[in-house]
C-alpha cells in the first residue's frame, strides 16, 4: 500500500491516493492536517461553549452584558438577542458544539493513524460546505441587518473557513472530487491561498462596513 507525500496545503501532509486505498483501506492524512482539524474544531467548540454560556446568563438576566460586548460595533449581546441567533429553534452555538466536536474527533483519529472511507471524507466536506454557507449568511446578517459583531462568532467563522478549504483541497488531491490536473497541482502547492483570500475578503468587508467608526 503506497503512501504519497503531497506538498502544499498543510506543510508535511501525507495522504493515501491510490484507487485501491480509496476503495479498500481508505484515505488518511498527515499530522499537520490532523492538527489543523483538531485546532480549528477546538476553536469552534470554544466559541460555541462561551456563547452558549453567555446566552443562558442573558436569559436569566436580561441586563447581562457579555464580556465581548466592547462597544457599539463589537457587541455580542446584540447578536445574542437577535432572531438570527436561533434560526433552528435553539441557539445556533449548540449546533456548533456538536459539529465542531465531530471535526476534533476526525482529526484525532487521523493523528492516531486512521484511514477513512471516501464517503466519510465527502460527508465531512458536505457538512463543512453547509457550515461555510451558514456562516456566510450569518456574516451578512451581522454586518448589514444586526449591525454588530461578535468576536466569538468571528472565531467560529475563521475556523470553519480554514477547515472547509483544507478539507476540500485534500479531497480534490485524493481524487474524491473531480478537478483538472492543473487545479490539483495548484492545491498541492497553494491550498493556503484559498482560506487566506476568503478571510481577507471578510476582513475588508468588516473594515469598510464600519470605516467611520474604526477611523474615528
N, C-alpha and C. Protein backbone atom coordinates (compact mmCIF):
# COMPACT_ATOMS: atom_id res chain seq x y z
N UNK A 1 0.85 -1.19 0.00
CA UNK A 1 0.00 0.00 0.00
C UNK A 1 0.89 1.24 0.00
N UNK A 2 0.83 2.02 -1.08
CA UNK A 2 1.72 3.17 -1.23
C UNK A 2 1.14 4.39 -0.53
N UNK A 3 2.05 5.20 0.01
CA UNK A 3 1.65 6.46 0.62
C UNK A 3 2.34 7.58 -0.12
N UNK A 4 1.59 8.58 -0.55
CA UNK A 4 2.13 9.66 -1.34
C UNK A 4 2.30 10.90 -0.49
N UNK A 5 3.46 11.57 -0.62
CA UNK A 5 3.70 12.81 0.09
C UNK A 5 3.20 13.94 -0.79
N UNK A 6 2.17 14.64 -0.35
CA UNK A 6 1.60 15.73 -1.13
C UNK A 6 2.07 17.04 -0.54
N UNK A 7 2.83 17.80 -1.31
CA UNK A 7 3.32 19.08 -0.82
C UNK A 7 2.25 20.15 -1.01
N UNK A 8 2.34 21.21 -0.22
CA UNK A 8 1.36 22.27 -0.29
C UNK A 8 0.22 22.01 0.68
N UNK A 9 -0.71 22.95 0.72
CA UNK A 9 -1.83 22.82 1.66
C UNK A 9 -1.31 22.97 3.07
N UNK A 10 -1.35 21.92 3.84
CA UNK A 10 -0.77 21.90 5.17
C UNK A 10 0.63 21.32 5.04
N UNK A 11 1.69 22.03 5.43
CA UNK A 11 3.05 21.55 5.24
C UNK A 11 3.26 20.16 5.83
N UNK A 12 3.96 19.32 5.07
CA UNK A 12 4.31 18.00 5.56
C UNK A 12 3.19 17.00 5.52
N UNK A 13 2.05 17.36 4.90
CA UNK A 13 0.91 16.45 4.88
C UNK A 13 1.21 15.24 4.02
N UNK A 14 0.81 14.06 4.51
CA UNK A 14 0.91 12.83 3.75
C UNK A 14 -0.47 12.23 3.63
N UNK A 15 -0.78 11.68 2.46
CA UNK A 15 -2.09 11.08 2.28
C UNK A 15 -2.02 9.94 1.30
N UNK A 16 -2.94 9.02 1.41
CA UNK A 16 -3.04 7.89 0.51
C UNK A 16 -3.94 8.26 -0.64
N UNK A 17 -3.49 8.01 -1.89
CA UNK A 17 -4.26 8.48 -3.02
C UNK A 17 -4.61 7.39 -4.02
N UNK A 18 -4.08 6.21 -3.91
CA UNK A 18 -4.33 5.20 -4.92
C UNK A 18 -5.77 4.74 -4.88
N UNK A 19 -6.25 4.24 -6.03
CA UNK A 19 -7.64 3.79 -6.11
C UNK A 19 -7.88 2.65 -5.14
N UNK A 20 -6.88 1.83 -4.94
CA UNK A 20 -7.03 0.71 -4.02
C UNK A 20 -7.28 1.18 -2.61
N UNK A 21 -6.60 2.23 -2.21
CA UNK A 21 -6.79 2.75 -0.86
C UNK A 21 -8.17 3.36 -0.72
N UNK A 22 -8.61 4.07 -1.76
CA UNK A 22 -9.91 4.71 -1.69
C UNK A 22 -11.02 3.68 -1.53
N UNK A 23 -10.88 2.57 -2.24
CA UNK A 23 -11.92 1.55 -2.19
C UNK A 23 -11.74 0.60 -1.02
N UNK A 24 -10.48 0.43 -0.58
CA UNK A 24 -10.21 -0.56 0.45
C UNK A 24 -9.97 0.04 1.81
N UNK A 25 -8.68 0.28 2.12
CA UNK A 25 -8.32 0.71 3.46
C UNK A 25 -8.75 2.13 3.77
N UNK A 26 -9.04 2.92 2.75
CA UNK A 26 -9.45 4.29 2.98
C UNK A 26 -8.31 5.27 2.77
N UNK A 27 -8.58 6.52 3.08
CA UNK A 27 -7.64 7.61 2.84
C UNK A 27 -7.28 8.27 4.16
N UNK A 28 -6.00 8.44 4.38
CA UNK A 28 -5.53 9.09 5.59
C UNK A 28 -5.04 10.49 5.30
N UNK A 29 -4.34 11.07 6.23
CA UNK A 29 -3.77 12.40 6.05
C UNK A 29 -2.61 12.55 7.03
N UNK A 30 -1.78 13.56 6.78
CA UNK A 30 -0.61 13.77 7.61
C UNK A 30 -0.91 14.40 8.96
N UNK A 31 0.12 14.47 9.78
CA UNK A 31 -0.03 15.00 11.14
C UNK A 31 -0.43 16.48 11.13
N UNK A 32 0.16 17.25 10.21
CA UNK A 32 -0.16 18.68 10.16
C UNK A 32 -1.63 18.89 9.83
N UNK A 33 -2.13 18.11 8.89
CA UNK A 33 -3.55 18.20 8.53
C UNK A 33 -4.43 17.81 9.71
N UNK A 34 -4.04 16.73 10.39
CA UNK A 34 -4.81 16.28 11.56
C UNK A 34 -4.84 17.35 12.64
N UNK A 35 -3.69 17.97 12.90
CA UNK A 35 -3.64 19.03 13.90
C UNK A 35 -4.48 20.23 13.48
N UNK A 36 -4.49 20.52 12.18
CA UNK A 36 -5.32 21.62 11.69
C UNK A 36 -6.79 21.38 12.02
N UNK A 37 -7.26 20.15 11.78
CA UNK A 37 -8.65 19.83 12.09
C UNK A 37 -8.92 19.93 13.59
N UNK A 38 -8.00 19.43 14.39
CA UNK A 38 -8.20 19.46 15.84
C UNK A 38 -8.19 20.89 16.38
N UNK A 39 -7.31 21.73 15.86
CA UNK A 39 -7.21 23.10 16.36
C UNK A 39 -8.41 23.93 15.92
N UNK A 40 -8.78 23.84 14.65
CA UNK A 40 -9.94 24.61 14.18
C UNK A 40 -11.23 24.10 14.81
N UNK A 41 -11.32 22.77 14.96
CA UNK A 41 -12.50 22.21 15.63
C UNK A 41 -12.59 22.66 17.07
N UNK A 42 -11.45 22.66 17.77
CA UNK A 42 -11.43 23.10 19.17
C UNK A 42 -11.79 24.58 19.28
N UNK A 43 -11.33 25.38 18.32
CA UNK A 43 -11.68 26.81 18.31
C UNK A 43 -13.19 26.98 18.16
N UNK A 44 -13.80 26.16 17.30
CA UNK A 44 -15.24 26.22 17.12
C UNK A 44 -15.99 25.79 18.37
N UNK A 45 -15.52 24.72 19.01
CA UNK A 45 -16.14 24.27 20.26
C UNK A 45 -16.04 25.35 21.33
N UNK A 46 -14.87 25.96 21.45
CA UNK A 46 -14.67 27.02 22.44
C UNK A 46 -15.62 28.18 22.22
N UNK A 47 -15.72 28.62 20.97
CA UNK A 47 -16.61 29.75 20.68
C UNK A 47 -18.07 29.39 20.98
N UNK A 48 -18.47 28.18 20.58
CA UNK A 48 -19.84 27.75 20.84
C UNK A 48 -20.13 27.64 22.33
N UNK A 49 -19.15 27.14 23.08
CA UNK A 49 -19.32 26.97 24.53
C UNK A 49 -19.49 28.32 25.22
N UNK A 50 -18.62 29.28 24.89
CA UNK A 50 -18.68 30.60 25.53
C UNK A 50 -19.99 31.30 25.19
N UNK A 51 -20.38 31.26 23.92
CA UNK A 51 -21.62 31.93 23.51
C UNK A 51 -22.84 31.28 24.17
N UNK A 52 -22.83 29.96 24.26
CA UNK A 52 -23.96 29.26 24.88
C UNK A 52 -24.10 29.63 26.35
N UNK A 53 -22.97 29.67 27.06
CA UNK A 53 -22.99 30.05 28.49
C UNK A 53 -23.52 31.47 28.65
N UNK A 54 -23.01 32.38 27.80
CA UNK A 54 -23.46 33.77 27.89
C UNK A 54 -24.94 33.90 27.52
N UNK A 55 -25.40 33.07 26.59
CA UNK A 55 -26.82 33.09 26.22
C UNK A 55 -27.69 32.69 27.40
N UNK A 56 -27.28 31.66 28.13
CA UNK A 56 -28.03 31.25 29.33
C UNK A 56 -28.05 32.35 30.38
N UNK A 57 -26.90 33.01 30.55
CA UNK A 57 -26.84 34.11 31.52
C UNK A 57 -27.75 35.26 31.09
N UNK A 58 -27.81 35.49 29.79
CA UNK A 58 -28.66 36.56 29.27
C UNK A 58 -30.14 36.24 29.48
N UNK A 59 -30.49 34.96 29.36
CA UNK A 59 -31.87 34.55 29.60
C UNK A 59 -32.25 34.72 31.08
N UNK A 60 -31.28 34.47 31.96
CA UNK A 60 -31.52 34.62 33.39
C UNK A 60 -31.60 36.09 33.79
N UNK A 61 -30.77 36.91 33.14
CA UNK A 61 -30.70 38.33 33.48
C UNK A 61 -30.65 39.14 32.19
N UNK A 62 -31.78 39.72 31.75
CA UNK A 62 -31.81 40.49 30.50
C UNK A 62 -30.83 41.65 30.48
N UNK A 63 -30.36 42.08 31.63
CA UNK A 63 -29.41 43.17 31.68
C UNK A 63 -27.96 42.72 31.62
N UNK A 64 -27.73 41.41 31.51
CA UNK A 64 -26.37 40.88 31.47
C UNK A 64 -25.63 41.37 30.23
N UNK A 65 -24.37 41.76 30.43
CA UNK A 65 -23.52 42.21 29.33
C UNK A 65 -22.38 41.21 29.13
N UNK A 66 -22.34 40.49 28.03
CA UNK A 66 -21.25 39.54 27.78
C UNK A 66 -19.90 40.26 27.77
N UNK A 67 -18.87 39.52 28.11
CA UNK A 67 -17.54 40.11 28.18
C UNK A 67 -17.03 40.64 26.86
N UNK A 68 -17.56 40.11 25.75
CA UNK A 68 -17.09 40.57 24.44
C UNK A 68 -17.94 41.70 23.88
N UNK A 69 -18.83 42.27 24.69
CA UNK A 69 -19.55 43.47 24.27
C UNK A 69 -18.70 44.67 24.65
N UNK A 70 -17.88 45.11 23.70
CA UNK A 70 -16.86 46.12 23.98
C UNK A 70 -17.27 47.53 23.59
N UNK A 71 -18.09 47.66 22.56
CA UNK A 71 -18.50 48.97 22.06
C UNK A 71 -19.75 48.79 21.19
N UNK A 72 -20.27 49.86 20.60
CA UNK A 72 -21.49 49.72 19.79
C UNK A 72 -21.36 48.76 18.62
N UNK A 73 -20.17 48.56 18.10
CA UNK A 73 -19.97 47.66 16.95
C UNK A 73 -19.67 46.25 17.42
N UNK A 74 -18.66 46.09 18.26
CA UNK A 74 -18.31 44.78 18.80
C UNK A 74 -19.20 44.52 20.01
N UNK A 75 -20.36 43.94 19.75
CA UNK A 75 -21.37 43.76 20.80
C UNK A 75 -22.00 42.38 20.67
N UNK A 76 -21.48 41.42 21.42
CA UNK A 76 -22.03 40.06 21.38
C UNK A 76 -23.47 40.04 21.88
N UNK A 77 -23.80 40.93 22.81
CA UNK A 77 -25.15 40.96 23.35
C UNK A 77 -26.19 41.24 22.28
N UNK A 78 -25.89 42.17 21.37
CA UNK A 78 -26.82 42.48 20.28
C UNK A 78 -27.04 41.26 19.39
N UNK A 79 -25.98 40.51 19.14
CA UNK A 79 -26.08 39.31 18.31
C UNK A 79 -26.95 38.26 19.00
N UNK A 80 -26.69 38.04 20.29
CA UNK A 80 -27.42 37.00 21.04
C UNK A 80 -28.90 37.30 21.16
N UNK A 81 -29.26 38.58 21.17
CA UNK A 81 -30.67 38.96 21.32
C UNK A 81 -31.42 38.95 20.00
N UNK A 82 -30.72 38.77 18.90
CA UNK A 82 -31.35 38.83 17.58
C UNK A 82 -32.08 37.53 17.25
N UNK A 83 -33.03 37.62 16.32
CA UNK A 83 -33.75 36.43 15.86
C UNK A 83 -32.82 35.47 15.13
N UNK A 84 -31.81 36.02 14.47
CA UNK A 84 -30.88 35.19 13.70
C UNK A 84 -30.04 34.28 14.58
N UNK A 85 -30.01 34.54 15.89
CA UNK A 85 -29.19 33.74 16.80
C UNK A 85 -29.80 32.39 17.12
N UNK A 86 -31.03 32.17 16.67
CA UNK A 86 -31.69 30.89 16.92
C UNK A 86 -32.49 30.44 15.72
N UNK A 87 -31.84 30.30 14.59
CA UNK A 87 -32.51 30.01 13.32
C UNK A 87 -33.30 28.70 13.37
N UNK A 88 -32.76 27.69 14.05
CA UNK A 88 -33.37 26.36 14.04
C UNK A 88 -34.25 26.09 15.26
N UNK A 89 -34.56 27.15 15.99
CA UNK A 89 -35.41 26.98 17.17
C UNK A 89 -34.64 26.80 18.45
N UNK A 90 -33.32 26.81 18.38
CA UNK A 90 -32.45 26.74 19.56
C UNK A 90 -31.22 27.57 19.24
N UNK A 91 -30.44 27.98 20.25
CA UNK A 91 -29.27 28.82 19.99
C UNK A 91 -28.32 28.18 18.98
N UNK A 92 -27.91 28.95 17.99
CA UNK A 92 -27.01 28.44 16.95
C UNK A 92 -25.75 27.77 17.51
N UNK A 93 -25.13 28.32 18.57
CA UNK A 93 -23.90 27.71 19.08
C UNK A 93 -24.06 26.26 19.53
N UNK A 94 -25.27 25.87 19.91
CA UNK A 94 -25.47 24.48 20.34
C UNK A 94 -25.24 23.51 19.17
N UNK A 95 -25.57 23.95 17.97
CA UNK A 95 -25.27 23.15 16.78
C UNK A 95 -23.76 23.05 16.59
N UNK A 96 -23.07 24.17 16.83
CA UNK A 96 -21.62 24.17 16.69
C UNK A 96 -20.93 23.27 17.69
N UNK A 97 -21.46 23.19 18.91
CA UNK A 97 -20.85 22.33 19.92
C UNK A 97 -20.77 20.88 19.44
N UNK A 98 -21.78 20.44 18.70
CA UNK A 98 -21.81 19.07 18.20
C UNK A 98 -20.93 18.92 16.96
N UNK A 99 -21.14 19.79 15.99
CA UNK A 99 -20.45 19.63 14.70
C UNK A 99 -18.94 19.86 14.81
N UNK A 100 -18.53 20.87 15.56
CA UNK A 100 -17.09 21.10 15.72
C UNK A 100 -16.43 19.97 16.50
N UNK A 101 -17.16 19.39 17.44
CA UNK A 101 -16.62 18.25 18.19
C UNK A 101 -16.36 17.06 17.26
N UNK A 102 -17.22 16.89 16.25
CA UNK A 102 -17.00 15.82 15.26
C UNK A 102 -15.70 16.07 14.51
N UNK A 103 -15.44 17.32 14.16
CA UNK A 103 -14.20 17.65 13.45
C UNK A 103 -12.98 17.33 14.32
N UNK A 104 -13.06 17.66 15.60
CA UNK A 104 -11.96 17.32 16.52
C UNK A 104 -11.74 15.82 16.55
N UNK A 105 -12.82 15.06 16.60
CA UNK A 105 -12.72 13.59 16.66
C UNK A 105 -12.09 13.03 15.39
N UNK A 106 -12.48 13.57 14.24
CA UNK A 106 -11.89 13.12 12.97
C UNK A 106 -10.40 13.43 12.95
N UNK A 107 -10.03 14.62 13.39
CA UNK A 107 -8.61 14.99 13.44
C UNK A 107 -7.82 14.11 14.38
N UNK A 108 -8.40 13.78 15.54
CA UNK A 108 -7.72 12.91 16.50
C UNK A 108 -7.52 11.52 15.90
N UNK A 109 -8.52 11.04 15.17
CA UNK A 109 -8.38 9.74 14.52
C UNK A 109 -7.26 9.73 13.50
N UNK A 110 -7.17 10.79 12.70
CA UNK A 110 -6.10 10.90 11.71
C UNK A 110 -4.74 10.94 12.39
N UNK A 111 -4.66 11.67 13.50
CA UNK A 111 -3.40 11.76 14.22
C UNK A 111 -2.97 10.40 14.75
N UNK A 112 -3.95 9.54 15.04
CA UNK A 112 -3.66 8.19 15.53
C UNK A 112 -3.41 7.20 14.39
N UNK A 113 -3.49 7.70 13.15
CA UNK A 113 -3.21 6.84 12.01
C UNK A 113 -4.42 6.28 11.30
N UNK A 114 -5.59 6.82 11.58
CA UNK A 114 -6.82 6.31 10.95
C UNK A 114 -6.85 6.64 9.47
N UNK A 115 -7.50 5.76 8.71
CA UNK A 115 -7.78 5.98 7.29
C UNK A 115 -9.30 5.87 7.12
N UNK A 116 -9.89 6.90 6.51
CA UNK A 116 -11.35 6.94 6.39
C UNK A 116 -11.79 6.65 4.96
N UNK A 117 -12.96 6.05 4.84
CA UNK A 117 -13.55 5.78 3.54
C UNK A 117 -13.88 7.09 2.83
N UNK A 118 -14.01 7.00 1.51
CA UNK A 118 -14.31 8.19 0.73
C UNK A 118 -15.62 8.85 1.14
N UNK A 119 -16.62 8.05 1.50
CA UNK A 119 -17.92 8.63 1.86
C UNK A 119 -17.82 9.51 3.10
N UNK A 120 -16.93 9.13 4.03
CA UNK A 120 -16.79 9.95 5.23
C UNK A 120 -16.13 11.29 4.88
N UNK A 121 -15.10 11.24 4.03
CA UNK A 121 -14.45 12.47 3.61
C UNK A 121 -15.43 13.39 2.89
N UNK A 122 -16.25 12.80 2.01
CA UNK A 122 -17.22 13.60 1.27
C UNK A 122 -18.32 14.13 2.20
N UNK A 123 -18.72 13.31 3.16
CA UNK A 123 -19.71 13.76 4.13
C UNK A 123 -19.18 14.90 4.98
N UNK A 124 -17.91 14.78 5.38
CA UNK A 124 -17.26 15.85 6.14
C UNK A 124 -17.21 17.12 5.32
N UNK A 125 -16.86 16.97 4.04
CA UNK A 125 -16.79 18.12 3.14
C UNK A 125 -18.16 18.78 2.97
N UNK A 126 -19.19 17.94 2.82
CA UNK A 126 -20.55 18.48 2.66
C UNK A 126 -20.99 19.23 3.91
N UNK A 127 -20.68 18.68 5.07
CA UNK A 127 -21.03 19.35 6.32
C UNK A 127 -20.33 20.69 6.45
N UNK A 128 -19.06 20.73 6.04
CA UNK A 128 -18.32 21.98 6.11
C UNK A 128 -18.82 22.99 5.08
N UNK A 129 -19.27 22.49 3.92
CA UNK A 129 -19.86 23.38 2.93
C UNK A 129 -21.12 24.04 3.49
N UNK A 130 -21.94 23.24 4.17
CA UNK A 130 -23.12 23.81 4.84
C UNK A 130 -22.68 24.83 5.88
N UNK A 131 -21.62 24.49 6.64
CA UNK A 131 -21.13 25.40 7.67
C UNK A 131 -20.67 26.72 7.10
N UNK A 132 -19.93 26.68 5.98
CA UNK A 132 -19.45 27.92 5.35
C UNK A 132 -20.63 28.73 4.82
N UNK A 133 -21.60 28.03 4.22
CA UNK A 133 -22.78 28.73 3.72
C UNK A 133 -23.56 29.39 4.85
N UNK A 134 -23.72 28.67 5.96
CA UNK A 134 -24.45 29.21 7.10
C UNK A 134 -23.70 30.38 7.71
N UNK A 135 -22.37 30.25 7.82
CA UNK A 135 -21.56 31.34 8.35
C UNK A 135 -21.64 32.57 7.45
N UNK A 136 -21.67 32.35 6.13
CA UNK A 136 -21.77 33.47 5.19
C UNK A 136 -23.08 34.21 5.40
N UNK A 137 -24.16 33.47 5.59
CA UNK A 137 -25.46 34.10 5.86
C UNK A 137 -25.41 34.87 7.17
N UNK A 138 -24.81 34.27 8.19
CA UNK A 138 -24.70 34.95 9.48
C UNK A 138 -23.83 36.20 9.39
N UNK A 139 -22.77 36.14 8.58
CA UNK A 139 -21.93 37.32 8.37
C UNK A 139 -22.74 38.46 7.78
N UNK A 140 -23.52 38.14 6.75
CA UNK A 140 -24.35 39.18 6.12
C UNK A 140 -25.33 39.76 7.13
N UNK A 141 -25.98 38.89 7.89
CA UNK A 141 -26.93 39.36 8.89
C UNK A 141 -26.24 40.23 9.93
N UNK A 142 -25.06 39.83 10.35
CA UNK A 142 -24.31 40.56 11.36
C UNK A 142 -23.91 41.94 10.86
N UNK A 143 -23.39 42.00 9.63
CA UNK A 143 -22.87 43.25 9.10
C UNK A 143 -23.96 44.22 8.65
N UNK A 144 -25.02 43.70 8.04
CA UNK A 144 -25.96 44.58 7.35
C UNK A 144 -27.38 44.58 7.92
N UNK A 145 -27.69 43.67 8.83
CA UNK A 145 -29.02 43.65 9.43
C UNK A 145 -28.96 43.95 10.94
N UNK A 146 -28.11 43.22 11.66
CA UNK A 146 -27.98 43.42 13.11
C UNK A 146 -27.05 44.60 13.40
N UNK A 147 -26.10 44.83 12.50
CA UNK A 147 -25.15 45.94 12.63
C UNK A 147 -24.26 45.81 13.87
N UNK A 148 -23.83 44.60 14.15
CA UNK A 148 -22.93 44.35 15.28
C UNK A 148 -22.05 43.15 14.95
N UNK A 149 -20.94 43.07 15.64
CA UNK A 149 -20.02 41.93 15.51
C UNK A 149 -19.90 41.21 16.84
N UNK A 150 -19.74 39.90 16.75
CA UNK A 150 -19.44 39.07 17.93
C UNK A 150 -18.07 38.44 17.70
N UNK A 151 -17.13 38.72 18.59
CA UNK A 151 -15.76 38.21 18.40
C UNK A 151 -15.72 36.68 18.41
N UNK A 152 -16.52 36.06 19.27
CA UNK A 152 -16.54 34.60 19.31
C UNK A 152 -17.13 34.03 18.04
N UNK A 153 -18.12 34.73 17.48
CA UNK A 153 -18.68 34.31 16.19
C UNK A 153 -17.61 34.41 15.11
N UNK A 154 -16.84 35.49 15.14
CA UNK A 154 -15.77 35.66 14.15
C UNK A 154 -14.76 34.52 14.24
N UNK A 155 -14.45 34.08 15.45
CA UNK A 155 -13.54 32.95 15.62
C UNK A 155 -14.11 31.69 14.97
N UNK A 156 -15.41 31.47 15.15
CA UNK A 156 -16.06 30.31 14.54
C UNK A 156 -16.06 30.43 13.02
N UNK A 157 -16.27 31.64 12.50
CA UNK A 157 -16.24 31.83 11.05
C UNK A 157 -14.87 31.46 10.49
N UNK A 158 -13.83 31.99 11.11
CA UNK A 158 -12.47 31.72 10.63
C UNK A 158 -12.16 30.23 10.69
N UNK A 159 -12.50 29.58 11.79
CA UNK A 159 -12.24 28.15 11.94
C UNK A 159 -12.96 27.35 10.86
N UNK A 160 -14.21 27.70 10.58
CA UNK A 160 -15.00 26.98 9.57
C UNK A 160 -14.42 27.17 8.18
N UNK A 161 -14.02 28.39 7.87
CA UNK A 161 -13.45 28.67 6.55
C UNK A 161 -12.16 27.90 6.35
N UNK A 162 -11.28 27.91 7.34
CA UNK A 162 -10.00 27.21 7.22
C UNK A 162 -10.21 25.72 7.02
N UNK A 163 -11.02 25.10 7.86
CA UNK A 163 -11.21 23.65 7.74
C UNK A 163 -11.90 23.29 6.43
N UNK A 164 -12.84 24.11 5.98
CA UNK A 164 -13.53 23.80 4.72
C UNK A 164 -12.57 23.78 3.55
N UNK A 165 -11.77 24.81 3.41
CA UNK A 165 -10.88 24.87 2.24
C UNK A 165 -9.80 23.81 2.27
N UNK A 166 -9.28 23.50 3.45
CA UNK A 166 -8.25 22.47 3.51
C UNK A 166 -8.82 21.08 3.27
N UNK A 167 -10.01 20.80 3.78
CA UNK A 167 -10.63 19.50 3.52
C UNK A 167 -11.02 19.38 2.05
N UNK A 168 -11.52 20.46 1.47
CA UNK A 168 -11.85 20.44 0.04
C UNK A 168 -10.60 20.18 -0.79
N UNK A 169 -9.52 20.86 -0.47
CA UNK A 169 -8.26 20.66 -1.19
C UNK A 169 -7.77 19.22 -1.04
N UNK A 170 -7.88 18.69 0.17
CA UNK A 170 -7.49 17.31 0.44
C UNK A 170 -8.29 16.35 -0.43
N UNK A 171 -9.59 16.56 -0.52
CA UNK A 171 -10.45 15.65 -1.28
C UNK A 171 -10.21 15.76 -2.78
N UNK A 172 -9.89 16.95 -3.25
CA UNK A 172 -9.55 17.12 -4.68
C UNK A 172 -8.26 16.37 -5.00
N UNK A 173 -7.25 16.53 -4.16
CA UNK A 173 -5.97 15.86 -4.42
C UNK A 173 -6.08 14.36 -4.27
N UNK A 174 -7.02 13.90 -3.44
CA UNK A 174 -7.21 12.47 -3.25
C UNK A 174 -8.06 11.85 -4.35
N UNK A 175 -8.59 12.68 -5.25
CA UNK A 175 -9.41 12.18 -6.33
C UNK A 175 -10.86 11.95 -5.97
N UNK A 176 -11.27 12.39 -4.79
CA UNK A 176 -12.66 12.23 -4.37
C UNK A 176 -13.57 13.27 -5.00
N UNK A 177 -13.00 14.42 -5.34
CA UNK A 177 -13.73 15.47 -6.04
C UNK A 177 -13.07 15.67 -7.39
N UNK A 178 -13.81 15.59 -8.49
CA UNK A 178 -13.21 15.72 -9.82
C UNK A 178 -12.68 17.13 -10.06
N UNK A 179 -11.49 17.21 -10.62
CA UNK A 179 -10.89 18.50 -10.93
C UNK A 179 -9.77 18.29 -11.94
N UNK A 180 -9.50 19.27 -12.80
CA UNK A 180 -8.39 19.16 -13.75
C UNK A 180 -7.06 19.01 -13.03
N UNK A 181 -6.10 18.45 -13.73
CA UNK A 181 -4.77 18.23 -13.14
C UNK A 181 -4.15 19.53 -12.66
N UNK A 182 -4.39 20.62 -13.41
CA UNK A 182 -3.84 21.91 -13.02
C UNK A 182 -4.37 22.39 -11.68
N UNK A 183 -5.65 22.12 -11.43
CA UNK A 183 -6.25 22.51 -10.15
C UNK A 183 -5.64 21.69 -9.02
N UNK A 184 -5.46 20.39 -9.26
CA UNK A 184 -4.86 19.54 -8.23
C UNK A 184 -3.44 19.99 -7.91
N UNK A 185 -2.71 20.36 -8.96
CA UNK A 185 -1.34 20.84 -8.75
C UNK A 185 -1.34 22.14 -7.95
N UNK A 186 -2.24 23.05 -8.31
CA UNK A 186 -2.32 24.33 -7.60
C UNK A 186 -2.64 24.11 -6.13
N UNK A 187 -3.61 23.24 -5.86
CA UNK A 187 -4.00 22.98 -4.47
C UNK A 187 -2.88 22.30 -3.70
N UNK A 188 -2.07 21.52 -4.40
CA UNK A 188 -0.94 20.88 -3.73
C UNK A 188 0.10 21.88 -3.28
N UNK A 189 0.21 23.00 -4.00
CA UNK A 189 1.23 23.99 -3.68
C UNK A 189 0.68 25.20 -2.92
N UNK A 190 -0.55 25.59 -3.23
CA UNK A 190 -1.06 26.87 -2.72
C UNK A 190 -2.43 26.75 -2.06
N UNK A 191 -2.72 25.62 -1.44
CA UNK A 191 -4.02 25.46 -0.78
C UNK A 191 -4.26 26.54 0.28
N UNK A 192 -3.19 27.02 0.89
CA UNK A 192 -3.32 28.04 1.94
C UNK A 192 -3.89 29.34 1.39
N UNK A 193 -3.74 29.57 0.07
CA UNK A 193 -4.18 30.83 -0.51
C UNK A 193 -5.70 30.99 -0.45
N UNK A 194 -6.42 29.88 -0.52
CA UNK A 194 -7.89 29.95 -0.56
C UNK A 194 -8.48 30.46 0.76
N UNK A 195 -8.14 29.87 1.91
CA UNK A 195 -8.68 30.43 3.16
C UNK A 195 -8.16 31.83 3.45
N UNK A 196 -6.91 32.11 3.08
CA UNK A 196 -6.36 33.45 3.30
C UNK A 196 -7.15 34.49 2.51
N UNK A 197 -7.43 34.18 1.24
CA UNK A 197 -8.21 35.09 0.40
C UNK A 197 -9.63 35.26 0.94
N UNK A 198 -10.24 34.16 1.32
CA UNK A 198 -11.62 34.19 1.84
C UNK A 198 -11.70 35.05 3.11
N UNK A 199 -10.80 34.79 4.04
CA UNK A 199 -10.80 35.55 5.30
C UNK A 199 -10.45 37.01 5.05
N UNK A 200 -9.53 37.24 4.09
CA UNK A 200 -9.16 38.61 3.75
C UNK A 200 -10.33 39.42 3.22
N UNK A 201 -11.16 38.79 2.39
CA UNK A 201 -12.35 39.47 1.86
C UNK A 201 -13.30 39.85 2.99
N UNK A 202 -13.50 38.92 3.92
CA UNK A 202 -14.39 39.20 5.06
C UNK A 202 -13.82 40.35 5.89
N UNK A 203 -12.50 40.32 6.10
CA UNK A 203 -11.86 41.39 6.85
C UNK A 203 -12.07 42.75 6.19
N UNK A 204 -11.97 42.79 4.85
CA UNK A 204 -12.19 44.04 4.13
C UNK A 204 -13.64 44.51 4.25
N UNK A 205 -14.58 43.57 4.20
CA UNK A 205 -15.99 43.94 4.36
C UNK A 205 -16.25 44.53 5.74
N UNK A 206 -15.65 43.91 6.76
CA UNK A 206 -15.82 44.42 8.13
C UNK A 206 -15.18 45.80 8.25
N UNK A 207 -14.00 45.95 7.65
CA UNK A 207 -13.30 47.23 7.72
C UNK A 207 -14.09 48.34 7.05
N UNK A 208 -14.60 48.08 5.86
CA UNK A 208 -15.32 49.12 5.12
C UNK A 208 -16.72 49.36 5.69
N UNK A 209 -17.34 48.33 6.26
CA UNK A 209 -18.70 48.49 6.81
C UNK A 209 -18.72 49.53 7.92
N UNK A 210 -17.72 49.52 8.77
CA UNK A 210 -17.67 50.46 9.89
C UNK A 210 -16.43 51.35 9.81
N UNK A 211 -16.09 51.78 8.60
CA UNK A 211 -14.88 52.56 8.40
C UNK A 211 -14.86 53.82 9.27
N UNK A 212 -15.98 54.52 9.31
CA UNK A 212 -16.04 55.76 10.10
C UNK A 212 -15.79 55.48 11.58
N UNK A 213 -16.32 54.35 12.07
CA UNK A 213 -16.12 54.01 13.49
C UNK A 213 -14.67 53.65 13.76
N UNK A 214 -14.07 52.83 12.88
CA UNK A 214 -12.68 52.41 13.10
C UNK A 214 -11.71 53.58 13.05
N UNK A 215 -12.02 54.56 12.21
CA UNK A 215 -11.08 55.67 12.00
C UNK A 215 -11.40 56.89 12.85
N UNK A 216 -12.45 56.82 13.66
CA UNK A 216 -12.82 57.98 14.49
C UNK A 216 -12.00 58.02 15.78
